[in-house]
N, C-alpha and C. Protein backbone atom coordinates (compact mmCIF):
# COMPACT_ATOMS: atom_id res chain seq x y z
N MET A 1 63.35 -186.59 113.34
CA MET A 1 63.20 -186.07 114.69
C MET A 1 61.73 -186.11 115.07
N LYS A 2 61.47 -186.52 116.28
CA LYS A 2 60.11 -186.52 116.81
C LYS A 2 60.16 -185.98 118.24
N LEU A 3 58.99 -185.63 118.75
CA LEU A 3 58.88 -185.21 120.14
C LEU A 3 58.40 -186.41 120.95
N VAL A 4 59.05 -186.64 122.08
CA VAL A 4 58.66 -187.75 122.96
C VAL A 4 58.38 -187.22 124.36
N VAL A 5 57.47 -187.91 125.05
CA VAL A 5 57.23 -187.60 126.45
C VAL A 5 58.45 -188.07 127.23
N PRO A 6 59.02 -187.24 128.09
CA PRO A 6 60.18 -187.68 128.88
C PRO A 6 59.88 -188.99 129.63
N SER A 7 60.83 -189.92 129.57
CA SER A 7 60.61 -191.24 130.16
C SER A 7 61.90 -191.79 130.75
N LEU A 8 61.74 -192.81 131.59
CA LEU A 8 62.91 -193.48 132.16
C LEU A 8 63.79 -194.08 131.07
N GLU A 9 63.17 -194.56 130.01
CA GLU A 9 63.92 -195.15 128.90
C GLU A 9 64.86 -194.14 128.23
N CYS A 10 64.38 -192.90 128.10
CA CYS A 10 65.16 -191.85 127.43
C CYS A 10 66.05 -191.06 128.39
N LEU A 11 65.85 -191.25 129.68
CA LEU A 11 66.53 -190.43 130.68
C LEU A 11 68.06 -190.49 130.60
N PRO A 12 68.69 -191.66 130.37
CA PRO A 12 70.16 -191.66 130.30
C PRO A 12 70.72 -190.72 129.21
N SER A 13 70.01 -190.60 128.11
CA SER A 13 70.47 -189.71 127.05
C SER A 13 70.34 -188.25 127.47
N TYR A 14 69.29 -187.93 128.23
CA TYR A 14 69.13 -186.57 128.76
C TYR A 14 70.25 -186.25 129.76
N VAL A 15 70.54 -187.19 130.64
CA VAL A 15 71.62 -187.00 131.62
C VAL A 15 72.94 -186.77 130.90
N ASP A 16 73.20 -187.53 129.86
CA ASP A 16 74.43 -187.35 129.08
C ASP A 16 74.48 -185.94 128.49
N ALA A 17 73.34 -185.46 127.98
CA ALA A 17 73.30 -184.11 127.41
C ALA A 17 73.58 -183.05 128.47
N LEU A 18 73.04 -183.22 129.67
CA LEU A 18 73.32 -182.28 130.76
C LEU A 18 74.81 -182.25 131.06
N ARG A 19 75.42 -183.40 131.09
CA ARG A 19 76.86 -183.48 131.39
C ARG A 19 77.72 -182.91 130.27
N ARG A 20 77.19 -182.91 129.05
CA ARG A 20 77.94 -182.43 127.88
C ARG A 20 77.70 -180.95 127.58
N GLY A 21 76.81 -180.28 128.33
CA GLY A 21 76.67 -178.84 128.12
C GLY A 21 75.28 -178.33 127.85
N LEU A 22 74.25 -179.16 127.97
CA LEU A 22 72.88 -178.66 127.84
C LEU A 22 72.53 -177.88 129.09
N PHE A 23 72.01 -176.67 128.91
CA PHE A 23 71.49 -175.88 130.03
C PHE A 23 69.97 -175.90 129.93
N PRO A 24 69.29 -176.58 130.85
CA PRO A 24 67.84 -176.67 130.78
C PRO A 24 67.13 -175.35 131.06
N ASP A 25 67.85 -174.39 131.58
CA ASP A 25 67.30 -173.07 131.89
C ASP A 25 68.37 -172.06 131.46
N ASN A 26 68.07 -171.30 130.42
CA ASN A 26 69.07 -170.36 129.87
C ASN A 26 69.53 -169.33 130.88
N ALA A 27 68.65 -168.90 131.76
CA ALA A 27 69.00 -167.85 132.71
C ALA A 27 69.96 -168.36 133.79
N ARG A 28 69.78 -169.62 134.21
CA ARG A 28 70.58 -170.14 135.32
C ARG A 28 71.69 -171.09 134.88
N GLY A 29 71.77 -171.40 133.61
CA GLY A 29 72.89 -172.14 133.04
C GLY A 29 73.29 -173.40 133.76
N ARG A 30 74.59 -173.47 134.10
CA ARG A 30 75.15 -174.68 134.74
C ARG A 30 74.46 -175.03 136.05
N GLN A 31 74.04 -174.00 136.79
CA GLN A 31 73.37 -174.25 138.06
C GLN A 31 72.10 -175.08 137.83
N ALA A 32 71.33 -174.74 136.80
CA ALA A 32 70.11 -175.50 136.50
C ALA A 32 70.45 -176.92 136.08
N ALA A 33 71.50 -177.08 135.28
CA ALA A 33 71.91 -178.43 134.86
C ALA A 33 72.29 -179.27 136.08
N GLN A 34 73.04 -178.69 137.00
CA GLN A 34 73.44 -179.41 138.21
C GLN A 34 72.21 -179.79 139.06
N GLU A 35 71.27 -178.86 139.17
CA GLU A 35 70.05 -179.15 139.93
C GLU A 35 69.28 -180.31 139.31
N HIS A 36 69.20 -180.34 137.98
CA HIS A 36 68.51 -181.45 137.31
C HIS A 36 69.23 -182.77 137.58
N LEU A 37 70.55 -182.76 137.49
CA LEU A 37 71.31 -183.99 137.75
C LEU A 37 71.09 -184.49 139.17
N GLU A 38 71.07 -183.58 140.13
CA GLU A 38 70.85 -183.97 141.52
C GLU A 38 69.43 -184.49 141.73
N TRP A 39 68.46 -183.84 141.12
CA TRP A 39 67.07 -184.26 141.26
C TRP A 39 66.88 -185.65 140.65
N ILE A 40 67.47 -185.87 139.47
CA ILE A 40 67.36 -187.17 138.82
C ILE A 40 67.98 -188.26 139.69
N ALA A 41 69.13 -187.98 140.27
CA ALA A 41 69.79 -188.96 141.14
C ALA A 41 68.94 -189.29 142.36
N ALA A 42 68.23 -188.30 142.88
CA ALA A 42 67.43 -188.49 144.09
C ALA A 42 66.05 -189.07 143.81
N ASP A 43 65.44 -188.68 142.66
CA ASP A 43 64.05 -189.06 142.39
C ASP A 43 63.77 -188.94 140.89
N ALA A 44 64.24 -189.90 140.12
CA ALA A 44 64.10 -189.83 138.66
C ALA A 44 62.64 -189.76 138.23
N GLU A 45 61.78 -190.55 138.83
CA GLU A 45 60.37 -190.55 138.43
C GLU A 45 59.70 -189.22 138.79
N GLY A 46 60.02 -188.67 139.93
CA GLY A 46 59.48 -187.37 140.31
C GLY A 46 59.94 -186.28 139.36
N PHE A 47 61.21 -186.33 138.97
CA PHE A 47 61.74 -185.37 138.01
C PHE A 47 60.96 -185.45 136.70
N LEU A 48 60.80 -186.67 136.19
CA LEU A 48 60.11 -186.85 134.91
C LEU A 48 58.66 -186.36 134.98
N SER A 49 57.98 -186.65 136.08
CA SER A 49 56.58 -186.23 136.18
C SER A 49 56.46 -184.71 136.24
N SER A 50 57.49 -184.02 136.71
CA SER A 50 57.44 -182.56 136.79
C SER A 50 57.51 -181.92 135.40
N LEU A 51 58.00 -182.65 134.42
CA LEU A 51 58.17 -182.10 133.08
C LEU A 51 56.89 -182.12 132.26
N ASP A 52 55.91 -182.87 132.71
CA ASP A 52 54.66 -183.01 131.97
C ASP A 52 53.53 -182.88 132.97
N ASP A 53 52.99 -181.67 133.10
CA ASP A 53 52.02 -181.36 134.16
C ASP A 53 50.84 -180.57 133.60
N PRO A 54 50.03 -181.20 132.72
CA PRO A 54 48.94 -180.45 132.10
C PRO A 54 47.83 -180.02 133.06
N GLU A 55 47.81 -180.56 134.25
CA GLU A 55 46.80 -180.17 135.24
C GLU A 55 47.37 -179.18 136.27
N ALA A 56 48.63 -178.80 136.12
CA ALA A 56 49.30 -177.87 137.05
C ALA A 56 49.21 -178.35 138.49
N ARG A 57 49.50 -179.60 138.70
CA ARG A 57 49.44 -180.17 140.05
C ARG A 57 50.75 -180.04 140.81
N GLY A 58 51.81 -179.66 140.11
CA GLY A 58 53.12 -179.55 140.74
C GLY A 58 53.20 -178.38 141.70
N PRO A 59 54.29 -178.33 142.44
CA PRO A 59 54.48 -177.25 143.41
C PRO A 59 54.70 -175.91 142.72
N PRO A 60 54.60 -174.82 143.46
CA PRO A 60 54.90 -173.50 142.86
C PRO A 60 56.30 -173.50 142.26
N PHE A 61 56.47 -172.61 141.29
CA PHE A 61 57.74 -172.46 140.58
C PHE A 61 58.58 -171.40 141.29
N LYS A 62 59.87 -171.68 141.50
CA LYS A 62 60.75 -170.71 142.15
C LYS A 62 61.52 -169.92 141.09
N ARG A 63 61.30 -168.60 141.08
CA ARG A 63 62.00 -167.74 140.13
C ARG A 63 63.43 -167.50 140.60
N MET A 64 64.23 -166.87 139.74
CA MET A 64 65.62 -166.56 140.07
C MET A 64 65.74 -165.69 141.31
N ASP A 65 64.75 -164.82 141.55
CA ASP A 65 64.81 -163.94 142.70
C ASP A 65 64.30 -164.61 143.98
N GLY A 66 63.94 -165.90 143.87
CA GLY A 66 63.49 -166.65 145.03
C GLY A 66 62.00 -166.63 145.26
N GLU A 67 61.27 -165.77 144.54
CA GLU A 67 59.81 -165.71 144.72
C GLU A 67 59.17 -166.97 144.17
N LEU A 68 58.20 -167.49 144.92
CA LEU A 68 57.43 -168.64 144.47
C LEU A 68 56.19 -168.13 143.74
N VAL A 69 55.95 -168.65 142.54
CA VAL A 69 54.78 -168.28 141.75
C VAL A 69 54.04 -169.56 141.37
N ARG A 70 52.74 -169.41 141.15
CA ARG A 70 51.96 -170.60 140.85
C ARG A 70 52.37 -171.21 139.52
N ARG A 71 52.29 -172.50 139.49
CA ARG A 71 52.63 -173.25 138.29
C ARG A 71 51.44 -173.23 137.33
N LEU A 72 51.73 -173.11 136.05
CA LEU A 72 50.70 -173.17 135.01
C LEU A 72 50.60 -174.59 134.46
N PRO A 73 49.46 -174.92 133.86
CA PRO A 73 49.40 -176.18 133.12
C PRO A 73 50.52 -176.18 132.07
N SER A 74 51.16 -177.30 131.89
CA SER A 74 52.29 -177.35 130.96
C SER A 74 52.54 -178.77 130.49
N ILE A 75 53.18 -178.85 129.33
CA ILE A 75 53.69 -180.12 128.85
C ILE A 75 55.13 -179.90 128.42
N GLY A 76 55.94 -180.90 128.65
CA GLY A 76 57.33 -180.87 128.21
C GLY A 76 57.59 -182.06 127.30
N ARG A 77 58.32 -181.83 126.26
CA ARG A 77 58.68 -182.90 125.33
C ARG A 77 60.17 -182.85 125.06
N TRP A 78 60.72 -184.01 124.77
CA TRP A 78 62.12 -184.09 124.37
C TRP A 78 62.20 -184.29 122.87
N MET A 79 63.10 -183.55 122.25
CA MET A 79 63.40 -183.74 120.84
C MET A 79 64.26 -185.00 120.76
N TRP A 80 63.88 -185.90 119.87
CA TRP A 80 64.49 -187.23 119.85
C TRP A 80 64.75 -187.66 118.42
N ASP A 81 66.00 -188.02 118.14
CA ASP A 81 66.36 -188.57 116.82
C ASP A 81 67.12 -189.88 117.00
N GLY A 82 66.74 -190.62 118.02
CA GLY A 82 67.47 -191.82 118.43
C GLY A 82 68.24 -191.55 119.70
N GLU A 83 68.41 -190.28 120.00
CA GLU A 83 69.00 -189.82 121.25
C GLU A 83 68.43 -188.44 121.55
N PHE A 84 68.63 -187.99 122.78
CA PHE A 84 68.15 -186.67 123.18
C PHE A 84 68.86 -185.61 122.37
N CYS A 85 68.09 -184.71 121.76
CA CYS A 85 68.72 -183.62 121.02
C CYS A 85 68.16 -182.25 121.40
N GLY A 86 67.23 -182.21 122.35
CA GLY A 86 66.73 -180.93 122.82
C GLY A 86 65.45 -181.10 123.61
N ARG A 87 64.96 -179.97 124.12
CA ARG A 87 63.72 -179.99 124.88
C ARG A 87 62.86 -178.81 124.44
N ILE A 88 61.54 -178.99 124.60
CA ILE A 88 60.60 -177.94 124.27
C ILE A 88 59.42 -178.05 125.22
N GLY A 89 58.93 -176.91 125.65
CA GLY A 89 57.81 -176.91 126.59
C GLY A 89 56.74 -175.92 126.18
N LEU A 90 55.52 -176.24 126.55
CA LEU A 90 54.36 -175.39 126.30
C LEU A 90 53.65 -175.18 127.63
N ARG A 91 53.31 -173.93 127.93
CA ARG A 91 52.52 -173.62 129.12
C ARG A 91 51.41 -172.67 128.71
N TRP A 92 50.31 -172.73 129.45
CA TRP A 92 49.14 -171.95 129.09
C TRP A 92 48.27 -171.72 130.32
N GLU A 93 47.31 -170.82 130.17
CA GLU A 93 46.26 -170.58 131.16
C GLU A 93 44.98 -171.14 130.57
N ASN A 94 44.27 -171.95 131.30
CA ASN A 94 43.01 -172.48 130.79
C ASN A 94 42.01 -171.35 130.56
N GLY A 95 41.36 -171.39 129.40
CA GLY A 95 40.31 -170.42 129.10
C GLY A 95 40.77 -169.10 128.51
N THR A 96 42.08 -168.91 128.33
CA THR A 96 42.57 -167.64 127.78
C THR A 96 43.94 -167.86 127.12
N ALA A 97 44.27 -166.99 126.18
CA ALA A 97 45.60 -167.03 125.58
C ALA A 97 46.58 -166.17 126.36
N SER A 98 46.06 -165.33 127.26
CA SER A 98 46.91 -164.45 128.06
C SER A 98 47.71 -165.26 129.07
N LEU A 99 48.86 -164.73 129.42
CA LEU A 99 49.72 -165.35 130.43
C LEU A 99 49.91 -164.39 131.59
N PRO A 100 50.12 -164.90 132.79
CA PRO A 100 50.39 -164.01 133.92
C PRO A 100 51.74 -163.30 133.73
N PRO A 101 51.95 -162.19 134.40
CA PRO A 101 53.18 -161.41 134.22
C PRO A 101 54.47 -162.19 134.49
N HIS A 102 54.40 -163.21 135.33
CA HIS A 102 55.63 -163.95 135.65
C HIS A 102 56.02 -164.97 134.59
N VAL A 103 55.24 -165.08 133.50
CA VAL A 103 55.53 -166.02 132.42
C VAL A 103 55.81 -165.22 131.16
N LEU A 104 57.01 -165.37 130.60
CA LEU A 104 57.42 -164.55 129.46
C LEU A 104 56.85 -165.03 128.13
N GLY A 105 56.51 -166.32 128.02
CA GLY A 105 55.99 -166.84 126.76
C GLY A 105 55.35 -168.20 126.94
N HIS A 106 54.63 -168.62 125.91
CA HIS A 106 53.95 -169.92 125.95
C HIS A 106 54.92 -171.08 125.72
N ILE A 107 55.92 -170.86 124.88
CA ILE A 107 56.81 -171.96 124.47
C ILE A 107 58.26 -171.56 124.72
N ASP A 108 59.02 -172.52 125.23
CA ASP A 108 60.48 -172.35 125.33
C ASP A 108 61.12 -173.61 124.80
N TYR A 109 62.33 -173.50 124.33
CA TYR A 109 63.01 -174.66 123.74
C TYR A 109 64.51 -174.46 123.77
N ALA A 110 65.22 -175.58 123.65
CA ALA A 110 66.68 -175.55 123.55
C ALA A 110 67.12 -176.81 122.81
N VAL A 111 68.04 -176.64 121.89
CA VAL A 111 68.65 -177.75 121.15
C VAL A 111 70.07 -177.91 121.69
N VAL A 112 70.50 -179.15 121.87
CA VAL A 112 71.86 -179.36 122.38
C VAL A 112 72.86 -178.74 121.40
N PRO A 113 73.95 -178.18 121.93
CA PRO A 113 74.91 -177.46 121.07
C PRO A 113 75.44 -178.28 119.89
N TRP A 114 75.63 -179.56 120.07
CA TRP A 114 76.24 -180.39 119.02
C TRP A 114 75.24 -180.82 117.95
N LYS A 115 73.97 -180.40 118.06
CA LYS A 115 72.98 -180.76 117.03
C LYS A 115 72.29 -179.52 116.45
N ARG A 116 72.86 -178.37 116.70
CA ARG A 116 72.28 -177.15 116.17
C ARG A 116 72.55 -177.04 114.67
N ARG A 117 71.78 -176.16 114.02
CA ARG A 117 71.91 -175.88 112.58
C ARG A 117 71.51 -177.07 111.71
N GLN A 118 70.62 -177.91 112.25
CA GLN A 118 70.11 -179.06 111.50
C GLN A 118 68.60 -178.99 111.31
N GLY A 119 67.97 -177.90 111.73
CA GLY A 119 66.53 -177.75 111.58
C GLY A 119 65.71 -178.43 112.67
N ILE A 120 66.38 -178.94 113.70
CA ILE A 120 65.70 -179.67 114.77
C ILE A 120 64.76 -178.74 115.54
N GLY A 121 65.23 -177.57 115.91
CA GLY A 121 64.40 -176.64 116.66
C GLY A 121 63.19 -176.18 115.86
N THR A 122 63.38 -175.93 114.58
CA THR A 122 62.28 -175.50 113.72
C THR A 122 61.21 -176.59 113.62
N ALA A 123 61.65 -177.84 113.44
CA ALA A 123 60.71 -178.96 113.36
C ALA A 123 60.00 -179.17 114.70
N ALA A 124 60.74 -179.06 115.79
CA ALA A 124 60.14 -179.26 117.12
C ALA A 124 59.09 -178.19 117.41
N LEU A 125 59.39 -176.95 117.06
CA LEU A 125 58.42 -175.88 117.28
C LEU A 125 57.16 -176.13 116.46
N ALA A 126 57.28 -176.56 115.22
CA ALA A 126 56.11 -176.86 114.40
C ALA A 126 55.25 -177.93 115.06
N LEU A 127 55.88 -178.96 115.61
CA LEU A 127 55.13 -180.02 116.28
C LEU A 127 54.46 -179.51 117.56
N MET A 128 55.14 -178.66 118.29
CA MET A 128 54.55 -178.13 119.52
C MET A 128 53.39 -177.18 119.22
N LEU A 129 53.43 -176.51 118.09
CA LEU A 129 52.30 -175.66 117.71
C LEU A 129 51.04 -176.49 117.54
N ASP A 130 51.18 -177.73 117.07
CA ASP A 130 50.02 -178.63 116.98
C ASP A 130 49.45 -178.90 118.37
N GLU A 131 50.33 -179.05 119.37
CA GLU A 131 49.87 -179.25 120.75
C GLU A 131 49.12 -178.01 121.25
N ALA A 132 49.61 -176.84 120.90
CA ALA A 132 48.94 -175.60 121.31
C ALA A 132 47.56 -175.48 120.65
N ARG A 133 47.48 -175.86 119.38
CA ARG A 133 46.18 -175.84 118.69
C ARG A 133 45.20 -176.80 119.36
N ALA A 134 45.70 -177.96 119.77
CA ALA A 134 44.84 -178.95 120.43
C ALA A 134 44.27 -178.41 121.73
N ARG A 135 44.93 -177.42 122.32
CA ARG A 135 44.45 -176.79 123.55
C ARG A 135 43.63 -175.54 123.24
N GLN A 136 43.30 -175.36 121.96
CA GLN A 136 42.42 -174.29 121.50
C GLN A 136 43.00 -172.89 121.69
N LEU A 137 44.31 -172.78 121.74
CA LEU A 137 44.92 -171.45 121.84
C LEU A 137 44.84 -170.76 120.47
N PRO A 138 44.45 -169.49 120.43
CA PRO A 138 44.39 -168.78 119.15
C PRO A 138 45.78 -168.34 118.66
N TYR A 139 46.70 -168.22 119.58
CA TYR A 139 48.08 -167.84 119.26
C TYR A 139 48.98 -168.25 120.41
N VAL A 140 50.29 -168.24 120.14
CA VAL A 140 51.28 -168.38 121.21
C VAL A 140 52.27 -167.24 121.08
N GLU A 141 52.83 -166.87 122.21
CA GLU A 141 53.90 -165.89 122.22
C GLU A 141 55.18 -166.57 122.68
N ILE A 142 56.27 -166.19 122.03
CA ILE A 142 57.58 -166.77 122.30
C ILE A 142 58.56 -165.62 122.41
N THR A 143 59.46 -165.68 123.38
CA THR A 143 60.47 -164.64 123.52
C THR A 143 61.85 -165.22 123.27
N THR A 144 62.75 -164.34 122.86
CA THR A 144 64.14 -164.72 122.65
C THR A 144 65.02 -163.50 122.87
N ASN A 145 66.27 -163.73 123.12
CA ASN A 145 67.21 -162.63 123.24
C ASN A 145 67.48 -162.03 121.85
N PRO A 146 67.64 -160.73 121.76
CA PRO A 146 67.85 -160.09 120.45
C PRO A 146 69.05 -160.65 119.68
N ASP A 147 70.07 -161.10 120.39
CA ASP A 147 71.26 -161.60 119.69
C ASP A 147 71.17 -163.09 119.33
N ASN A 148 70.07 -163.75 119.64
CA ASN A 148 69.91 -165.16 119.32
C ASN A 148 69.26 -165.29 117.94
N ILE A 149 70.08 -165.14 116.92
CA ILE A 149 69.61 -165.15 115.53
C ILE A 149 68.99 -166.50 115.18
N ALA A 150 69.56 -167.60 115.64
CA ALA A 150 69.03 -168.93 115.33
C ALA A 150 67.61 -169.08 115.88
N SER A 151 67.38 -168.63 117.09
CA SER A 151 66.05 -168.73 117.67
C SER A 151 65.06 -167.84 116.92
N ARG A 152 65.49 -166.66 116.56
CA ARG A 152 64.61 -165.77 115.79
C ARG A 152 64.22 -166.42 114.48
N ARG A 153 65.17 -167.06 113.80
CA ARG A 153 64.87 -167.73 112.53
C ARG A 153 63.92 -168.90 112.73
N THR A 154 64.09 -169.63 113.82
CA THR A 154 63.20 -170.75 114.14
C THR A 154 61.77 -170.26 114.31
N ILE A 155 61.61 -169.19 115.07
CA ILE A 155 60.28 -168.63 115.32
C ILE A 155 59.68 -168.10 114.02
N GLU A 156 60.45 -167.35 113.26
CA GLU A 156 59.95 -166.78 112.02
C GLU A 156 59.61 -167.86 110.99
N ALA A 157 60.38 -168.95 110.95
CA ALA A 157 60.10 -170.05 110.02
C ALA A 157 58.75 -170.72 110.33
N ASN A 158 58.29 -170.55 111.57
CA ASN A 158 57.01 -171.10 111.98
C ASN A 158 55.90 -170.05 112.01
N GLY A 159 56.12 -168.93 111.34
CA GLY A 159 55.08 -167.91 111.22
C GLY A 159 55.13 -166.83 112.27
N GLY A 160 56.19 -166.78 113.06
CA GLY A 160 56.29 -165.78 114.11
C GLY A 160 56.41 -164.37 113.57
N VAL A 161 55.68 -163.47 114.19
CA VAL A 161 55.69 -162.05 113.83
C VAL A 161 56.19 -161.28 115.04
N PHE A 162 57.17 -160.41 114.82
CA PHE A 162 57.72 -159.61 115.91
C PHE A 162 56.65 -158.69 116.48
N ILE A 163 56.52 -158.68 117.81
CA ILE A 163 55.53 -157.85 118.50
C ILE A 163 56.20 -156.67 119.20
N GLU A 164 57.24 -156.96 120.00
CA GLU A 164 57.86 -155.87 120.75
C GLU A 164 59.21 -156.28 121.32
N LEU A 165 60.00 -155.28 121.62
CA LEU A 165 61.23 -155.42 122.38
C LEU A 165 60.90 -154.91 123.78
N PHE A 166 61.21 -155.70 124.80
CA PHE A 166 60.88 -155.28 126.16
C PHE A 166 62.02 -155.59 127.10
N GLN A 167 61.98 -154.98 128.25
CA GLN A 167 62.99 -155.16 129.29
C GLN A 167 62.55 -156.26 130.24
N LYS A 168 63.37 -157.29 130.38
CA LYS A 168 63.08 -158.34 131.36
C LYS A 168 63.28 -157.77 132.76
N GLY A 169 62.47 -158.21 133.68
CA GLY A 169 62.63 -157.79 135.05
C GLY A 169 63.83 -158.47 135.71
N PRO A 170 64.23 -158.01 136.89
CA PRO A 170 65.37 -158.58 137.60
C PRO A 170 65.19 -160.08 137.89
N ALA A 171 63.95 -160.53 138.05
CA ALA A 171 63.71 -161.95 138.33
C ALA A 171 64.14 -162.83 137.17
N TYR A 172 64.36 -162.22 136.00
CA TYR A 172 64.78 -162.96 134.81
C TYR A 172 66.16 -162.54 134.34
N GLY A 173 66.91 -161.89 135.18
CA GLY A 173 68.27 -161.51 134.86
C GLY A 173 68.42 -160.18 134.15
N GLY A 174 67.34 -159.44 133.95
CA GLY A 174 67.41 -158.15 133.28
C GLY A 174 67.74 -158.28 131.80
N GLY A 175 67.89 -157.17 131.13
CA GLY A 175 68.22 -157.17 129.71
C GLY A 175 67.00 -157.16 128.82
N ASN A 176 67.24 -157.06 127.53
CA ASN A 176 66.18 -156.99 126.54
C ASN A 176 65.74 -158.37 126.08
N LYS A 177 64.49 -158.46 125.69
CA LYS A 177 63.91 -159.65 125.08
C LYS A 177 63.05 -159.21 123.91
N MET A 178 62.98 -160.05 122.91
CA MET A 178 62.09 -159.84 121.79
C MET A 178 60.89 -160.77 121.95
N LYS A 179 59.69 -160.25 121.72
CA LYS A 179 58.49 -161.07 121.78
C LYS A 179 57.92 -161.24 120.38
N PHE A 180 57.61 -162.49 120.06
CA PHE A 180 56.99 -162.85 118.79
C PHE A 180 55.65 -163.50 119.06
N ARG A 181 54.73 -163.39 118.11
CA ARG A 181 53.44 -164.07 118.20
C ARG A 181 53.27 -164.94 116.96
N ILE A 182 52.77 -166.16 117.19
CA ILE A 182 52.43 -167.07 116.10
C ILE A 182 50.93 -167.34 116.16
N SER A 183 50.23 -166.96 115.12
CA SER A 183 48.80 -167.24 115.03
C SER A 183 48.57 -168.72 114.79
N LEU A 184 47.60 -169.28 115.47
CA LEU A 184 47.31 -170.71 115.32
C LEU A 184 46.01 -170.97 114.56
N ARG A 185 45.46 -169.95 113.97
CA ARG A 185 44.20 -170.11 113.22
C ARG A 185 44.41 -169.90 111.76
């Protein structure tokens, strides 16, 4: 498994994953998958460029509650083993490890359901930590739902230390989240 920059060459495999049950946004589920499919059909190159935006040149991000918030510098990568098997993203603030309140963590990821329990997420997170180090971050914070044991194990396998249990705001669907920190030094 390797991480690849999203590309037109790999796009058909991503589209297939969306149709087979990948939710690119855990909070919005099928709605997010449908939005991605529609965006790809209308403007595949624009969609791809939105996934890798280290200069934060893209438009503001629309939260679930409809509020527009500024976009952070970010990179998105696809987990690839000959086909799309997941996605992982890193976002940051230049000059600080802190994140604005509207961002729950530095890294988010998802492995397609049919490729889980193979260590793909753990390997992808390790590779993305190298990207975070390259941006001189001293640590990253990652959140997960308390009942997502697989995600907790992925984070812990990469050195994650539990920081706190907190309540997500309504813009994120409410409920509890666990925050972990991974030191990069």
